[in-house]
Amino acid sequence: MKEKACMTCRMVVEDAKQCPNCNGTQFTTFWRGYIVILNASESALAQRMGIKAPGKYAFRLSR
């Protein structure tokens, strides 16, 4: 399966029709770079990106 990123919150998922993080339904397979967040409250980058839950997130999205 090809990974895809949620267009709303940028979470990267494999086989999902709905994002487990924000319940979004729009995804893209065109994304570049990712960050793995283990503890969002302790990560300055997660706070800058608006990430509140642990997981794998895409840096840059395109449609």
N, C-alpha and C. Protein backbone atom coordinates (compact mmCIF):
# COMPACT_ATOMS: atom_id res chain seq x y z
N MET A 1 0.82 -1.19 0.00
CA MET A 1 0.00 0.00 0.00
C MET A 1 0.87 1.25 0.00
N LYS A 2 0.45 2.23 -0.72
CA LYS A 2 1.15 3.51 -0.77
C LYS A 2 0.63 4.42 0.34
N GLU A 3 1.55 5.07 1.00
CA GLU A 3 1.15 5.97 2.07
C GLU A 3 0.56 7.24 1.49
N LYS A 4 -0.40 7.81 2.22
CA LYS A 4 -1.02 9.06 1.80
C LYS A 4 -1.14 9.96 3.02
N ALA A 5 -1.19 11.26 2.76
CA ALA A 5 -1.25 12.25 3.84
C ALA A 5 -2.61 12.93 3.85
N CYS A 6 -3.12 13.16 5.03
CA CYS A 6 -4.39 13.86 5.21
C CYS A 6 -4.19 15.32 4.80
N MET A 7 -5.10 15.85 4.01
CA MET A 7 -5.00 17.23 3.55
C MET A 7 -5.33 18.22 4.67
N THR A 8 -5.98 17.78 5.72
CA THR A 8 -6.36 18.67 6.82
C THR A 8 -5.27 18.79 7.87
N CYS A 9 -4.78 17.64 8.38
CA CYS A 9 -3.82 17.68 9.50
C CYS A 9 -2.43 17.17 9.14
N ARG A 10 -2.24 16.67 7.92
CA ARG A 10 -0.95 16.17 7.41
C ARG A 10 -0.53 14.81 7.96
N MET A 11 -1.36 14.11 8.72
CA MET A 11 -0.99 12.80 9.23
C MET A 11 -0.85 11.81 8.07
N VAL A 12 0.21 11.03 8.10
CA VAL A 12 0.48 10.04 7.06
C VAL A 12 -0.12 8.71 7.49
N VAL A 13 -0.96 8.13 6.61
CA VAL A 13 -1.63 6.86 6.90
C VAL A 13 -1.46 5.94 5.70
N GLU A 14 -1.70 4.66 5.90
CA GLU A 14 -1.59 3.72 4.79
C GLU A 14 -2.94 3.41 4.18
N ASP A 15 -3.76 2.68 4.85
CA ASP A 15 -5.03 2.24 4.27
C ASP A 15 -6.17 2.76 5.12
N ALA A 16 -6.61 3.96 4.83
CA ALA A 16 -7.69 4.55 5.62
C ALA A 16 -8.59 5.38 4.72
N LYS A 17 -9.86 5.33 4.99
CA LYS A 17 -10.83 6.16 4.27
C LYS A 17 -11.10 7.43 5.06
N GLN A 18 -10.75 7.39 6.35
CA GLN A 18 -10.94 8.53 7.23
C GLN A 18 -9.71 8.67 8.11
N CYS A 19 -9.25 9.89 8.30
CA CYS A 19 -8.05 10.15 9.10
C CYS A 19 -8.32 9.82 10.57
N PRO A 20 -7.45 9.03 11.20
CA PRO A 20 -7.65 8.69 12.61
C PRO A 20 -7.39 9.88 13.55
N ASN A 21 -6.75 10.91 13.04
CA ASN A 21 -6.41 12.07 13.87
C ASN A 21 -7.51 13.14 13.85
N CYS A 22 -7.96 13.53 12.66
CA CYS A 22 -8.92 14.64 12.55
C CYS A 22 -10.24 14.26 11.88
N ASN A 23 -10.38 13.00 11.50
CA ASN A 23 -11.58 12.48 10.82
C ASN A 23 -11.76 13.06 9.42
N GLY A 24 -10.70 13.64 8.85
CA GLY A 24 -10.76 14.16 7.49
C GLY A 24 -10.87 13.03 6.48
N THR A 25 -11.39 13.35 5.30
CA THR A 25 -11.58 12.33 4.26
C THR A 25 -10.83 12.66 2.97
N GLN A 26 -10.10 13.76 2.93
CA GLN A 26 -9.33 14.11 1.73
C GLN A 26 -7.86 13.80 1.97
N PHE A 27 -7.29 13.02 1.06
CA PHE A 27 -5.90 12.59 1.18
C PHE A 27 -5.15 12.87 -0.11
N THR A 28 -3.83 12.95 -0.02
CA THR A 28 -2.99 13.09 -1.20
C THR A 28 -1.82 12.11 -1.09
N THR A 29 -1.38 11.62 -2.24
CA THR A 29 -0.21 10.75 -2.28
C THR A 29 1.03 11.55 -2.67
N PHE A 30 0.83 12.85 -2.93
CA PHE A 30 1.92 13.74 -3.31
C PHE A 30 2.35 14.57 -2.12
N TRP A 31 3.32 14.04 -1.39
CA TRP A 31 3.85 14.75 -0.22
C TRP A 31 5.35 14.49 -0.15
N ARG A 32 6.05 15.39 0.53
CA ARG A 32 7.51 15.29 0.65
C ARG A 32 7.92 15.43 2.10
N GLY A 33 8.82 14.60 2.54
CA GLY A 33 9.38 14.67 3.89
C GLY A 33 8.36 14.38 4.97
N TYR A 34 8.81 13.82 6.06
CA TYR A 34 7.91 13.58 7.18
C TYR A 34 8.66 13.66 8.49
N ILE A 35 7.87 13.83 9.54
CA ILE A 35 8.40 13.89 10.90
C ILE A 35 7.59 12.92 11.73
N VAL A 36 8.26 12.22 12.63
CA VAL A 36 7.57 11.31 13.55
C VAL A 36 7.52 12.00 14.91
N ILE A 37 6.32 12.21 15.40
CA ILE A 37 6.10 12.87 16.68
C ILE A 37 5.79 11.81 17.73
N LEU A 38 6.57 11.77 18.78
CA LEU A 38 6.34 10.84 19.88
C LEU A 38 5.59 11.51 21.02
N ASN A 39 5.95 12.75 21.32
CA ASN A 39 5.30 13.49 22.39
C ASN A 39 5.11 14.93 21.91
N ALA A 40 3.92 15.25 21.45
CA ALA A 40 3.66 16.55 20.83
C ALA A 40 3.84 17.71 21.80
N SER A 41 3.56 17.50 23.07
CA SER A 41 3.66 18.60 24.02
C SER A 41 5.11 19.00 24.31
N GLU A 42 6.06 18.12 24.03
CA GLU A 42 7.48 18.42 24.27
C GLU A 42 8.24 18.78 23.00
N SER A 43 7.59 18.77 21.86
CA SER A 43 8.26 19.04 20.59
C SER A 43 7.95 20.45 20.11
N ALA A 44 9.00 21.26 19.96
CA ALA A 44 8.83 22.62 19.46
C ALA A 44 8.34 22.61 18.02
N LEU A 45 8.83 21.66 17.22
CA LEU A 45 8.40 21.57 15.82
C LEU A 45 6.93 21.18 15.73
N ALA A 46 6.50 20.26 16.56
CA ALA A 46 5.09 19.86 16.57
C ALA A 46 4.21 21.05 16.94
N GLN A 47 4.64 21.83 17.89
CA GLN A 47 3.86 23.00 18.29
C GLN A 47 3.80 24.02 17.16
N ARG A 48 4.92 24.22 16.45
CA ARG A 48 4.94 25.15 15.30
C ARG A 48 4.02 24.68 14.18
N MET A 49 3.95 23.36 13.97
CA MET A 49 3.11 22.80 12.91
C MET A 49 1.66 22.62 13.35
N GLY A 50 1.37 22.83 14.62
CA GLY A 50 0.01 22.68 15.12
C GLY A 50 -0.38 21.23 15.37
N ILE A 51 0.60 20.36 15.59
CA ILE A 51 0.36 18.94 15.81
C ILE A 51 0.13 18.70 17.29
N LYS A 52 -0.95 17.97 17.59
CA LYS A 52 -1.28 17.71 18.99
C LYS A 52 -1.28 16.24 19.37
N ALA A 53 -1.18 15.34 18.39
CA ALA A 53 -1.21 13.90 18.65
C ALA A 53 0.04 13.23 18.09
N PRO A 54 0.53 12.17 18.73
CA PRO A 54 1.69 11.45 18.20
C PRO A 54 1.37 10.79 16.87
N GLY A 55 2.38 10.63 16.03
CA GLY A 55 2.19 9.98 14.75
C GLY A 55 3.20 10.45 13.73
N LYS A 56 2.99 10.06 12.48
CA LYS A 56 3.86 10.40 11.36
C LYS A 56 3.16 11.48 10.54
N TYR A 57 3.83 12.62 10.29
CA TYR A 57 3.21 13.75 9.62
C TYR A 57 4.06 14.20 8.44
N ALA A 58 3.41 14.60 7.34
CA ALA A 58 4.10 15.10 6.15
C ALA A 58 4.49 16.56 6.33
N PHE A 59 5.65 16.94 5.78
CA PHE A 59 6.09 18.33 5.83
C PHE A 59 5.40 19.16 4.76
N ARG A 60 5.44 18.68 3.52
CA ARG A 60 4.92 19.47 2.39
C ARG A 60 3.91 18.63 1.61
N LEU A 61 2.76 19.21 1.35
CA LEU A 61 1.69 18.54 0.60
C LEU A 61 1.48 19.22 -0.74
N SER A 62 1.04 18.43 -1.71
CA SER A 62 0.56 18.99 -2.99
C SER A 62 -0.59 18.11 -3.44
N ARG A 63 -1.40 18.65 -4.29
CA ARG A 63 -2.61 17.93 -4.72
C ARG A 63 -2.38 17.05 -5.90
